[in-house]
Amino acid sequence: MEKLKQAHGNYVEGDRFWGREDDLRLFQKKIHEGAHQVLLAQRRMGKTSLMKETARLLSESYTCLYVDFQKCRDSADAMVELSKAIYPHKKL
């Protein structure tokens, strides 16, 4: 059996993302149903990894944007970050 690789950095992907199949299925199901979702958990619990893997799996059906608001100081900063993420897709 191959030794598991410890993840470092902001998120895991590919063969380092494992053991969350039920979460992935539920997250995708809710997206297909048009539900709004909020992921709440302590730091380093895999929220970003779950979102990134879901986006990868749904990339042919949806335009998925990742916007990091962590460094935003106020709503104006958040709007700037959101606008920068949307701009490349403005034709939508």
C-alpha atoms as a PDB file:
ATOM      1  CA  MET A   1       0.000   0.000   0.000  1.00  0.00           C
ATOM      2  CA  GLU A   2       1.338   3.409  -0.999  1.00  0.00           C
ATOM      3  CA  LYS A   3       1.990   5.849   1.813  1.00  0.00           C
ATOM      4  CA  LEU A   4      -0.432   8.797   1.880  1.00  0.00           C
ATOM      5  CA  LYS A   5       1.101  12.134   0.998  1.00  0.00           C
ATOM      6  CA  GLN A   6       0.608  14.895   3.506  1.00  0.00           C
ATOM      7  CA  ALA A   7      -0.988  17.934   1.928  1.00  0.00           C
ATOM      8  CA  HIS A   8       0.636  21.339   2.181  1.00  0.00           C
ATOM      9  CA  GLY A   9      -0.564  24.631   0.767  1.00  0.00           C
ATOM     10  CA  ASN A  10      -3.974  26.097   0.178  1.00  0.00           C
ATOM     11  CA  TYR A  11      -5.907  23.076  -1.110  1.00  0.00           C
ATOM     12  CA  VAL A  12      -5.507  19.521  -2.372  1.00  0.00           C
ATOM     13  CA  GLU A  13      -6.494  18.189  -5.758  1.00  0.00           C
ATOM     14  CA  GLY A  14      -6.222  15.140  -7.962  1.00  0.00           C
ATOM     15  CA  ASP A  15      -4.932  12.010  -6.258  1.00  0.00           C
ATOM     16  CA  ARG A  16      -4.410  13.946  -3.014  1.00  0.00           C
ATOM     17  CA  PHE A  17      -8.176  14.605  -2.779  1.00  0.00           C
ATOM     18  CA  TRP A  18      -9.763  11.452  -1.389  1.00  0.00           C
ATOM     19  CA  GLY A  19     -12.301  10.200   1.117  1.00  0.00           C
ATOM     20  CA  ARG A  20     -14.893  12.898   0.423  1.00  0.00           C
ATOM     21  CA  GLU A  21     -16.996  11.140  -2.226  1.00  0.00           C
ATOM     22  CA  ASP A  22     -20.253  11.490  -0.249  1.00  0.00           C
ATOM     23  CA  ASP A  23     -19.598  15.192   0.285  1.00  0.00           C
ATOM     24  CA  LEU A  24     -18.830  15.634  -3.426  1.00  0.00           C
ATOM     25  CA  ARG A  25     -22.033  13.884  -4.490  1.00  0.00           C
ATOM     26  CA  LEU A  26     -24.182  15.919  -2.103  1.00  0.00           C
ATOM     27  CA  PHE A  27     -22.506  19.208  -3.066  1.00  0.00           C
ATOM     28  CA  GLN A  28     -22.990  18.490  -6.796  1.00  0.00           C
ATOM     29  CA  LYS A  29     -26.602  17.372  -6.282  1.00  0.00           C
ATOM     30  CA  LYS A  30     -27.442  20.604  -4.481  1.00  0.00           C
ATOM     31  CA  ILE A  31     -25.770  22.659  -7.220  1.00  0.00           C
ATOM     32  CA  HIS A  32     -27.795  20.855  -9.908  1.00  0.00           C
ATOM     33  CA  GLU A  33     -30.934  21.609  -7.878  1.00  0.00           C
ATOM     34  CA  GLY A  34     -30.039  25.311  -7.827  1.00  0.00           C
ATOM     35  CA  ALA A  35     -29.587  25.443  -4.062  1.00  0.00           C
ATOM     36  CA  HIS A  36     -27.447  28.054  -2.364  1.00  0.00           C
ATOM     37  CA  GLN A  37     -24.825  26.507  -0.110  1.00  0.00           C
ATOM     38  CA  VAL A  38     -22.558  27.671   2.661  1.00  0.00           C
ATOM     39  CA  LEU A  39     -19.568  25.677   3.854  1.00  0.00           C
ATOM     40  CA  LEU A  40     -18.649  26.386   7.446  1.00  0.00           C
ATOM     41  CA  ALA A  41     -15.789  24.708   9.254  1.00  0.00           C
ATOM     42  CA  GLN A  42     -12.574  25.452  11.067  1.00  0.00           C
ATOM     43  CA  ARG A  43      -9.468  26.292   9.115  1.00  0.00           C
ATOM     44  CA  ARG A  44      -7.725  23.451   7.247  1.00  0.00           C
ATOM     45  CA  MET A  45     -10.783  21.184   7.154  1.00  0.00           C
ATOM     46  CA  GLY A  46     -10.945  20.957   3.339  1.00  0.00           C
ATOM     47  CA  LYS A  47     -13.601  23.522   2.356  1.00  0.00           C
ATOM     48  CA  THR A  48     -11.543  24.964  -0.503  1.00  0.00           C
ATOM     49  CA  SER A  49     -10.479  21.508  -1.669  1.00  0.00           C
ATOM     50  CA  LEU A  50     -14.109  20.382  -1.788  1.00  0.00           C
ATOM     51  CA  MET A  51     -15.127  23.463  -3.776  1.00  0.00           C
ATOM     52  CA  LYS A  52     -12.180  23.179  -6.187  1.00  0.00           C
ATOM     53  CA  GLU A  53     -12.814  19.460  -6.831  1.00  0.00           C
ATOM     54  CA  THR A  54     -16.526  20.114  -7.364  1.00  0.00           C
ATOM     55  CA  ALA A  55     -15.692  22.911  -9.802  1.00  0.00           C
ATOM     56  CA  ARG A  56     -13.345  20.589 -11.696  1.00  0.00           C
ATOM     57  CA  LEU A  57     -16.006  17.898 -11.968  1.00  0.00           C
ATOM     58  CA  LEU A  58     -18.687  20.363 -13.096  1.00  0.00           C
ATOM     59  CA  SER A  59     -16.499  22.490 -15.386  1.00  0.00           C
ATOM     60  CA  GLU A  60     -18.134  21.221 -18.588  1.00  0.00           C
ATOM     61  CA  SER A  61     -21.638  22.110 -17.358  1.00  0.00           C
ATOM     62  CA  TYR A  62     -21.004  25.269 -15.320  1.00  0.00           C
ATOM     63  CA  THR A  63     -18.730  28.281 -15.234  1.00  0.00           C
ATOM     64  CA  CYS A  64     -17.158  28.013 -11.803  1.00  0.00           C
ATOM     65  CA  LEU A  65     -15.360  30.952 -10.242  1.00  0.00           C
ATOM     66  CA  TYR A  66     -13.124  30.903  -7.207  1.00  0.00           C
ATOM     67  CA  VAL A  67     -12.940  34.190  -5.349  1.00  0.00           C
ATOM     68  CA  ASP A  68     -10.847  34.525  -2.201  1.00  0.00           C
ATOM     69  CA  PHE A  69     -12.288  37.214   0.079  1.00  0.00           C
ATOM     70  CA  GLN A  70      -9.982  36.478   3.003  1.00  0.00           C
ATOM     71  CA  LYS A  71      -7.869  39.631   2.613  1.00  0.00           C
ATOM     72  CA  CYS A  72     -10.836  41.927   1.944  1.00  0.00           C
ATOM     73  CA  ARG A  73     -11.209  44.631   4.565  1.00  0.00           C
ATOM     74  CA  ASP A  74     -14.696  45.747   3.567  1.00  0.00           C
ATOM     75  CA  SER A  75     -17.479  45.292   1.014  1.00  0.00           C
ATOM     76  CA  ALA A  76     -15.719  47.536  -1.524  1.00  0.00           C
ATOM     77  CA  ASP A  77     -12.672  45.243  -1.478  1.00  0.00           C
ATOM     78  CA  ALA A  78     -14.973  42.240  -1.902  1.00  0.00           C
ATOM     79  CA  MET A  79     -16.635  43.840  -4.943  1.00  0.00           C
ATOM     80  CA  VAL A  80     -13.229  44.459  -6.514  1.00  0.00           C
ATOM     81  CA  GLU A  81     -12.222  40.819  -6.042  1.00  0.00           C
ATOM     82  CA  LEU A  82     -15.556  39.574  -7.387  1.00  0.00           C
ATOM     83  CA  SER A  83     -15.310  41.901 -10.410  1.00  0.00           C
ATOM     84  CA  LYS A  84     -11.786  40.675 -11.177  1.00  0.00           C
ATOM     85  CA  ALA A  85     -12.999  37.064 -11.108  1.00  0.00           C
ATOM     86  CA  ILE A  86     -16.017  37.770 -13.306  1.00  0.00           C
ATOM     87  CA  TYR A  87     -14.267  39.994 -15.876  1.00  0.00           C
ATOM     88  CA  PRO A  88     -12.756  37.178 -18.002  1.00  0.00           C
ATOM     89  CA  HIS A  89     -16.284  35.753 -18.334  1.00  0.00           C
ATOM     90  CA  LYS A  90     -18.084  39.037 -19.066  1.00  0.00           C
ATOM     91  CA  LYS A  91     -19.622  37.599 -22.253  1.00  0.00           C
ATOM     92  CA  LEU A  92     -21.832  35.446 -20.009  1.00  0.00           C
END
